[in-house]
Amino acid sequence: MISWNDMQDMARATGTYDMQSRTFQMTATEISGQGRTAMVNGTIRQDGWLIANITGPNVSCQGIVVPWGVQPAVPGL
């Protein structure tokens, strides 16, 4: 699920994740409003951050940084 506009608009996203290259590709389809479609792709870094790119009609957002997970603590630090 992807939302914007203070969660007034939402899209359902489906796609794939390649564990070896740590990349993903999704299609996001708006479930409210106009039913627009956008492509979402990017990488999941080993430090727990996801980097996404969104392209579609009248939208091109590149390099969106999202916290995805927490890097495990290193014992003794």
PDB file of N, CA and C in Angstrom:
ATOM      1  N   MET A   1       0.845  -1.162   0.000  1.00  0.00           N
ATOM      2  CA  MET A   1       0.000   0.000   0.000  1.00  0.00           C
ATOM      3  C   MET A   1       0.901   1.239   0.000  1.00  0.00           C
ATOM      4  N   ILE A   2       0.577   2.165  -0.857  1.00  0.00           N
ATOM      5  CA  ILE A   2       1.289   3.440  -0.945  1.00  0.00           C
ATOM      6  C   ILE A   2       0.240   4.536  -0.813  1.00  0.00           C
ATOM      7  N   SER A   3       0.548   5.556  -0.036  1.00  0.00           N
ATOM      8  CA  SER A   3      -0.416   6.658   0.104  1.00  0.00           C
ATOM      9  C   SER A   3       0.304   7.996  -0.029  1.00  0.00           C
ATOM     10  N   TRP A   4      -0.464   9.031  -0.332  1.00  0.00           N
ATOM     11  CA  TRP A   4       0.048  10.393  -0.441  1.00  0.00           C
ATOM     12  C   TRP A   4      -1.092  11.344  -0.151  1.00  0.00           C
ATOM     13  N   ASN A   5      -0.782  12.644  -0.143  1.00  0.00           N
ATOM     14  CA  ASN A   5      -1.805  13.658   0.112  1.00  0.00           C
ATOM     15  C   ASN A   5      -2.446  13.437   1.492  1.00  0.00           C
ATOM     16  N   ASP A   6      -1.579  13.274   2.521  1.00  0.00           N
ATOM     17  CA  ASP A   6      -2.041  12.998   3.889  1.00  0.00           C
ATOM     18  C   ASP A   6      -2.965  11.792   3.947  1.00  0.00           C
ATOM     19  N   MET A   7      -2.617  10.739   3.187  1.00  0.00           N
ATOM     20  CA  MET A   7      -3.346   9.465   3.131  1.00  0.00           C
ATOM     21  C   MET A   7      -4.764   9.601   2.565  1.00  0.00           C
ATOM     22  N   GLN A   8      -5.027  10.676   1.842  1.00  0.00           N
ATOM     23  CA  GLN A   8      -6.324  10.825   1.185  1.00  0.00           C
ATOM     24  C   GLN A   8      -6.376  10.029  -0.109  1.00  0.00           C
ATOM     25  N   ASP A   9      -5.222   9.772  -0.703  1.00  0.00           N
ATOM     26  CA  ASP A   9      -5.137   8.981  -1.929  1.00  0.00           C
ATOM     27  C   ASP A   9      -4.264   7.771  -1.656  1.00  0.00           C
ATOM     28  N   MET A  10      -4.670   6.606  -2.186  1.00  0.00           N
ATOM     29  CA  MET A  10      -3.933   5.369  -1.949  1.00  0.00           C
ATOM     30  C   MET A  10      -3.810   4.558  -3.220  1.00  0.00           C
ATOM     31  N   ALA A  11      -2.741   3.738  -3.256  1.00  0.00           N
ATOM     32  CA  ALA A  11      -2.519   2.826  -4.369  1.00  0.00           C
ATOM     33  C   ALA A  11      -2.118   1.468  -3.817  1.00  0.00           C
ATOM     34  N   ARG A  12      -2.518   0.439  -4.526  1.00  0.00           N
ATOM     35  CA  ARG A  12      -2.115  -0.926  -4.182  1.00  0.00           C
ATOM     36  C   ARG A  12      -0.922  -1.268  -5.062  1.00  0.00           C
ATOM     37  N   ALA A  13       0.142  -1.756  -4.439  1.00  0.00           N
ATOM     38  CA  ALA A  13       1.369  -2.062  -5.176  1.00  0.00           C
ATOM     39  C   ALA A  13       1.618  -3.564  -5.157  1.00  0.00           C
ATOM     40  N   THR A  14       1.965  -4.108  -6.324  1.00  0.00           N
ATOM     41  CA  THR A  14       2.347  -5.507  -6.433  1.00  0.00           C
ATOM     42  C   THR A  14       3.598  -5.584  -7.293  1.00  0.00           C
ATOM     43  N   GLY A  15       4.449  -6.565  -7.009  1.00  0.00           N
ATOM     44  CA  GLY A  15       5.657  -6.681  -7.800  1.00  0.00           C
ATOM     45  C   GLY A  15       6.568  -7.773  -7.315  1.00  0.00           C
ATOM     46  N   THR A  16       7.850  -7.626  -7.632  1.00  0.00           N
ATOM     47  CA  THR A  16       8.834  -8.654  -7.310  1.00  0.00           C
ATOM     48  C   THR A  16      10.053  -8.044  -6.626  1.00  0.00           C
ATOM     49  N   TYR A  17      10.781  -8.928  -5.927  1.00  0.00           N
ATOM     50  CA  TYR A  17      12.015  -8.555  -5.240  1.00  0.00           C
ATOM     51  C   TYR A  17      13.079  -9.578  -5.598  1.00  0.00           C
ATOM     52  N   ASP A  18      14.233  -9.118  -6.040  1.00  0.00           N
ATOM     53  CA  ASP A  18      15.358  -9.990  -6.366  1.00  0.00           C
ATOM     54  C   ASP A  18      16.323  -9.970  -5.186  1.00  0.00           C
ATOM     55  N   MET A  19      16.380 -11.079  -4.455  1.00  0.00           N
ATOM     56  CA  MET A  19      17.199 -11.134  -3.237  1.00  0.00           C
ATOM     57  C   MET A  19      18.695 -11.010  -3.527  1.00  0.00           C
ATOM     58  N   GLN A  20      19.149 -11.517  -4.668  1.00  0.00           N
ATOM     59  CA  GLN A  20      20.583 -11.458  -4.976  1.00  0.00           C
ATOM     60  C   GLN A  20      21.038 -10.033  -5.259  1.00  0.00           C
ATOM     61  N   SER A  21      20.281  -9.318  -6.067  1.00  0.00           N
ATOM     62  CA  SER A  21      20.688  -7.954  -6.416  1.00  0.00           C
ATOM     63  C   SER A  21      20.089  -6.913  -5.473  1.00  0.00           C
ATOM     64  N   ARG A  22      19.195  -7.344  -4.574  1.00  0.00           N
ATOM     65  CA  ARG A  22      18.519  -6.469  -3.603  1.00  0.00           C
ATOM     66  C   ARG A  22      17.764  -5.341  -4.320  1.00  0.00           C
ATOM     67  N   THR A  23      17.103  -5.685  -5.441  1.00  0.00           N
ATOM     68  CA  THR A  23      16.316  -4.721  -6.196  1.00  0.00           C
ATOM     69  C   THR A  23      14.853  -5.147  -6.207  1.00  0.00           C
ATOM     70  N   PHE A  24      13.971  -4.203  -6.459  1.00  0.00           N
ATOM     71  CA  PHE A  24      12.552  -4.512  -6.547  1.00  0.00           C
ATOM     72  C   PHE A  24      11.922  -3.718  -7.683  1.00  0.00           C
ATOM     73  N   GLN A  25      10.799  -4.239  -8.180  1.00  0.00           N
ATOM     74  CA  GLN A  25      10.001  -3.576  -9.203  1.00  0.00           C
ATOM     75  C   GLN A  25       8.538  -3.808  -8.855  1.00  0.00           C
ATOM     76  N   MET A  26       7.738  -2.750  -8.892  1.00  0.00           N
ATOM     77  CA  MET A  26       6.317  -2.863  -8.578  1.00  0.00           C
ATOM     78  C   MET A  26       5.504  -1.991  -9.521  1.00  0.00           C
ATOM     79  N   THR A  27       4.246  -2.360  -9.651  1.00  0.00           N
ATOM     80  CA  THR A  27       3.262  -1.514 -10.308  1.00  0.00           C
ATOM     81  C   THR A  27       2.291  -1.070  -9.230  1.00  0.00           C
ATOM     82  N   ALA A  28       2.088   0.229  -9.112  1.00  0.00           N
ATOM     83  CA  ALA A  28       1.167   0.784  -8.121  1.00  0.00           C
ATOM     84  C   ALA A  28      -0.059   1.307  -8.863  1.00  0.00           C
ATOM     85  N   THR A  29      -1.244   0.813  -8.477  1.00  0.00           N
ATOM     86  CA  THR A  29      -2.491   1.223  -9.107  1.00  0.00           C
ATOM     87  C   THR A  29      -3.348   1.950  -8.080  1.00  0.00           C
ATOM     88  N   GLU A  30      -3.713   3.165  -8.397  1.00  0.00           N
ATOM     89  CA  GLU A  30      -4.513   4.000  -7.506  1.00  0.00           C
ATOM     90  C   GLU A  30      -5.869   3.340  -7.266  1.00  0.00           C
ATOM     91  N   ILE A  31      -6.260   3.212  -5.997  1.00  0.00           N
ATOM     92  CA  ILE A  31      -7.554   2.607  -5.672  1.00  0.00           C
ATOM     93  C   ILE A  31      -8.596   3.659  -5.318  1.00  0.00           C
ATOM     94  N   SER A  32      -8.167   4.884  -5.270  1.00  0.00           N
ATOM     95  CA  SER A  32      -9.099   5.986  -5.053  1.00  0.00           C
ATOM     96  C   SER A  32      -8.896   6.978  -6.196  1.00  0.00           C
ATOM     97  N   GLY A  33      -9.848   7.765  -6.476  1.00  0.00           N
ATOM     98  CA  GLY A  33      -9.652   8.801  -7.496  1.00  0.00           C
ATOM     99  C   GLY A  33      -9.698   8.282  -8.907  1.00  0.00           C
ATOM    100  N   GLN A  34      -8.647   8.572  -9.691  1.00  0.00           N
ATOM    101  CA  GLN A  34      -8.645   8.357 -11.130  1.00  0.00           C
ATOM    102  C   GLN A  34      -8.140   6.986 -11.588  1.00  0.00           C
ATOM    103  N   GLY A  35      -7.693   6.142 -10.693  1.00  0.00           N
ATOM    104  CA  GLY A  35      -7.201   4.823 -11.088  1.00  0.00           C
ATOM    105  C   GLY A  35      -5.894   4.854 -11.848  1.00  0.00           C
ATOM    106  N   ARG A  36      -5.065   5.854 -11.606  1.00  0.00           N
ATOM    107  CA  ARG A  36      -3.778   5.985 -12.304  1.00  0.00           C
ATOM    108  C   ARG A  36      -2.814   4.864 -11.917  1.00  0.00           C
ATOM    109  N   THR A  37      -1.829   4.625 -12.780  1.00  0.00           N
ATOM    110  CA  THR A  37      -0.835   3.586 -12.555  1.00  0.00           C
ATOM    111  C   THR A  37       0.559   4.203 -12.612  1.00  0.00           C
ATOM    112  N   ALA A  38       1.441   3.746 -11.723  1.00  0.00           N
ATOM    113  CA  ALA A  38       2.831   4.205 -11.706  1.00  0.00           C
ATOM    114  C   ALA A  38       3.744   3.007 -11.513  1.00  0.00           C
ATOM    115  N   MET A  39       4.980   3.139 -11.976  1.00  0.00           N
ATOM    116  CA  MET A  39       5.998   2.116 -11.777  1.00  0.00           C
ATOM    117  C   MET A  39       6.880   2.549 -10.602  1.00  0.00           C
ATOM    118  N   VAL A  40       7.184   1.591  -9.732  1.00  0.00           N
ATOM    119  CA  VAL A  40       8.046   1.838  -8.577  1.00  0.00           C
ATOM    120  C   VAL A  40       9.187   0.824  -8.654  1.00  0.00           C
ATOM    121  N   ASN A  41      10.417   1.298  -8.611  1.00  0.00           N
ATOM    122  CA  ASN A  41      11.552   0.377  -8.591  1.00  0.00           C
ATOM    123  C   ASN A  41      12.639   0.961  -7.714  1.00  0.00           C
ATOM    124  N   GLY A  42      13.588   0.120  -7.354  1.00  0.00           N
ATOM    125  CA  GLY A  42      14.682   0.617  -6.538  1.00  0.00           C
ATOM    126  C   GLY A  42      15.484  -0.495  -5.907  1.00  0.00           C
ATOM    127  N   THR A  43      16.178  -0.141  -4.824  1.00  0.00           N
ATOM    128  CA  THR A  43      17.057  -1.072  -4.133  1.00  0.00           C
ATOM    129  C   THR A  43      16.794  -1.039  -2.628  1.00  0.00           C
ATOM    130  N   ILE A  44      17.167  -2.136  -1.985  1.00  0.00           N
ATOM    131  CA  ILE A  44      17.145  -2.188  -0.523  1.00  0.00           C
ATOM    132  C   ILE A  44      18.592  -2.335  -0.090  1.00  0.00           C
ATOM    133  N   ARG A  45      19.089  -1.289   0.559  1.00  0.00           N
ATOM    134  CA  ARG A  45      20.491  -1.291   0.978  1.00  0.00           C
ATOM    135  C   ARG A  45      20.687  -2.188   2.196  1.00  0.00           C
ATOM    136  N   GLN A  46      21.900  -2.622   2.419  1.00  0.00           N
ATOM    137  CA  GLN A  46      22.204  -3.497   3.550  1.00  0.00           C
ATOM    138  C   GLN A  46      22.153  -2.767   4.880  1.00  0.00           C
ATOM    139  N   ASP A  47      22.143  -1.435   4.860  1.00  0.00           N
ATOM    140  CA  ASP A  47      22.069  -0.685   6.119  1.00  0.00           C
ATOM    141  C   ASP A  47      20.629  -0.456   6.577  1.00  0.00           C
ATOM    142  N   GLY A  48      19.658  -1.096   5.899  1.00  0.00           N
ATOM    143  CA  GLY A  48      18.272  -1.007   6.346  1.00  0.00           C
ATOM    144  C   GLY A  48      17.454   0.092   5.690  1.00  0.00           C
ATOM    145  N   TRP A  49      17.950   0.710   4.635  1.00  0.00           N
ATOM    146  CA  TRP A  49      17.214   1.766   3.942  1.00  0.00           C
ATOM    147  C   TRP A  49      16.800   1.306   2.557  1.00  0.00           C
ATOM    148  N   LEU A  50      15.605   1.681   2.150  1.00  0.00           N
ATOM    149  CA  LEU A  50      15.068   1.393   0.829  1.00  0.00           C
ATOM    150  C   LEU A  50      15.167   2.673   0.004  1.00  0.00           C
ATOM    151  N   ILE A  51      15.636   2.564  -1.226  1.00  0.00           N
ATOM    152  CA  ILE A  51      15.728   3.700  -2.139  1.00  0.00           C
ATOM    153  C   ILE A  51      14.771   3.409  -3.297  1.00  0.00           C
ATOM    154  N   ALA A  52      13.753   4.259  -3.481  1.00  0.00           N
ATOM    155  CA  ALA A  52      12.721   4.012  -4.486  1.00  0.00           C
ATOM    156  C   ALA A  52      12.659   5.129  -5.523  1.00  0.00           C
ATOM    157  N   ASN A  53      12.240   4.750  -6.721  1.00  0.00           N
ATOM    158  CA  ASN A  53      11.989   5.681  -7.826  1.00  0.00           C
ATOM    159  C   ASN A  53      10.561   5.433  -8.304  1.00  0.00           C
ATOM    160  N   ILE A  54       9.781   6.486  -8.454  1.00  0.00           N
ATOM    161  CA  ILE A  54       8.388   6.367  -8.889  1.00  0.00           C
ATOM    162  C   ILE A  54       8.210   7.173 -10.167  1.00  0.00           C
ATOM    163  N   THR A  55       7.679   6.517 -11.213  1.00  0.00           N
ATOM    164  CA  THR A  55       7.409   7.211 -12.470  1.00  0.00           C
ATOM    165  C   THR A  55       6.011   6.849 -12.955  1.00  0.00           C
ATOM    166  N   GLY A  56       5.315   7.842 -13.450  1.00  0.00           N
ATOM    167  CA  GLY A  56       3.972   7.656 -13.972  1.00  0.00           C
ATOM    168  C   GLY A  56       3.489   8.941 -14.602  1.00  0.00           C
ATOM    169  N   PRO A  57       2.194   8.993 -14.955  1.00  0.00           N
ATOM    170  CA  PRO A  57       1.650  10.214 -15.551  1.00  0.00           C
ATOM    171  C   PRO A  57       1.812  11.407 -14.608  1.00  0.00           C
ATOM    172  N   ASN A  58       2.527  12.408 -15.041  1.00  0.00           N
ATOM    173  CA  ASN A  58       2.740  13.644 -14.278  1.00  0.00           C
ATOM    174  C   ASN A  58       3.460  13.448 -12.955  1.00  0.00           C
ATOM    175  N   VAL A  59       4.218  12.354 -12.811  1.00  0.00           N
ATOM    176  CA  VAL A  59       5.005  12.149 -11.589  1.00  0.00           C
ATOM    177  C   VAL A  59       6.334  11.496 -11.945  1.00  0.00           C
ATOM    178  N   SER A  60       7.396  12.019 -11.350  1.00  0.00           N
ATOM    179  CA  SER A  60       8.712  11.419 -11.476  1.00  0.00           C
ATOM    180  C   SER A  60       9.483  11.761 -10.199  1.00  0.00           C
ATOM    181  N   CYS A  61       9.430  10.870  -9.253  1.00  0.00           N
ATOM    182  CA  CYS A  61      10.119  11.057  -7.970  1.00  0.00           C
ATOM    183  C   CYS A  61      11.268  10.057  -7.919  1.00  0.00           C
ATOM    184  N   GLN A  62      12.477  10.553  -7.843  1.00  0.00           N
ATOM    185  CA  GLN A  62      13.670   9.706  -7.866  1.00  0.00           C
ATOM    186  C   GLN A  62      14.403   9.779  -6.536  1.00  0.00           C
ATOM    187  N   GLY A  63      14.920   8.641  -6.096  1.00  0.00           N
ATOM    188  CA  GLY A  63      15.764   8.609  -4.907  1.00  0.00           C
ATOM    189  C   GLY A  63      15.030   8.834  -3.597  1.00  0.00           C
ATOM    190  N   ILE A  64      13.804   8.323  -3.481  1.00  0.00           N
ATOM    191  CA  ILE A  64      13.049   8.448  -2.228  1.00  0.00           C
ATOM    192  C   ILE A  64      13.673   7.487  -1.217  1.00  0.00           C
ATOM    193  N   VAL A  65      14.073   7.999  -0.074  1.00  0.00           N
ATOM    194  CA  VAL A  65      14.755   7.206   0.948  1.00  0.00           C
ATOM    195  C   VAL A  65      13.759   6.878   2.059  1.00  0.00           C
ATOM    196  N   VAL A  66      13.604   5.550   2.325  1.00  0.00           N
ATOM    197  CA  VAL A  66      12.609   5.080   3.293  1.00  0.00           C
ATOM    198  C   VAL A  66      13.299   4.125   4.270  1.00  0.00           C
ATOM    199  N   PRO A  67      13.090   4.290   5.594  1.00  0.00           N
ATOM    200  CA  PRO A  67      13.646   3.305   6.524  1.00  0.00           C
ATOM    201  C   PRO A  67      12.927   1.978   6.330  1.00  0.00           C
ATOM    202  N   TRP A  68      13.674   0.922   6.075  1.00  0.00           N
ATOM    203  CA  TRP A  68      13.087  -0.380   5.768  1.00  0.00           C
ATOM    204  C   TRP A  68      13.266  -1.358   6.927  1.00  0.00           C
ATOM    205  N   GLY A  69      14.414  -1.331   7.542  1.00  0.00           N
ATOM    206  CA  GLY A  69      14.723  -2.241   8.631  1.00  0.00           C
ATOM    207  C   GLY A  69      15.823  -1.634   9.477  1.00  0.00           C
ATOM    208  N   VAL A  70      16.129  -2.284  10.553  1.00  0.00           N
ATOM    209  CA  VAL A  70      17.163  -1.794  11.448  1.00  0.00           C
ATOM    210  C   VAL A  70      18.352  -2.727  11.362  1.00  0.00           C
ATOM    211  N   GLN A  71      19.523  -2.161  11.171  1.00  0.00           N
ATOM    212  CA  GLN A  71      20.746  -2.941  11.139  1.00  0.00           C
ATOM    213  C   GLN A  71      20.954  -3.538  12.522  1.00  0.00           C
ATOM    214  N   PRO A  72      21.220  -4.836  12.614  1.00  0.00           N
ATOM    215  CA  PRO A  72      21.432  -5.453  13.926  1.00  0.00           C
ATOM    216  C   PRO A  72      22.608  -4.817  14.664  1.00  0.00           C
ATOM    217  N   ALA A  73      22.476  -4.734  15.970  1.00  0.00           N
ATOM    218  CA  ALA A  73      23.554  -4.184  16.801  1.00  0.00           C
ATOM    219  C   ALA A  73      24.768  -5.106  16.751  1.00  0.00           C
ATOM    220  N   VAL A  74      25.940  -4.516  16.777  1.00  0.00           N
ATOM    221  CA  VAL A  74      27.176  -5.270  16.790  1.00  0.00           C
ATOM    222  C   VAL A  74      27.582  -5.475  18.243  1.00  0.00           C
ATOM    223  N   PRO A  75      27.721  -6.730  18.682  1.00  0.00           N
ATOM    224  CA  PRO A  75      28.106  -6.986  20.080  1.00  0.00           C
ATOM    225  C   PRO A  75      29.423  -6.313  20.429  1.00  0.00           C
ATOM    226  N   GLY A  76      29.481  -5.729  21.602  1.00  0.00           N
ATOM    227  CA  GLY A  76      30.712  -5.105  22.092  1.00  0.00           C
ATOM    228  C   GLY A  76      30.876  -3.632  21.712  1.00  0.00           C
ATOM    229  N   LEU A  77      29.915  -3.080  20.965  1.00  0.00           N
ATOM    230  CA  LEU A  77      30.030  -1.656  20.615  1.00  0.00           C
ATOM    231  C   LEU A  77      29.115  -0.821  21.449  1.00  0.00           C
TER     232      LEU A  77
END
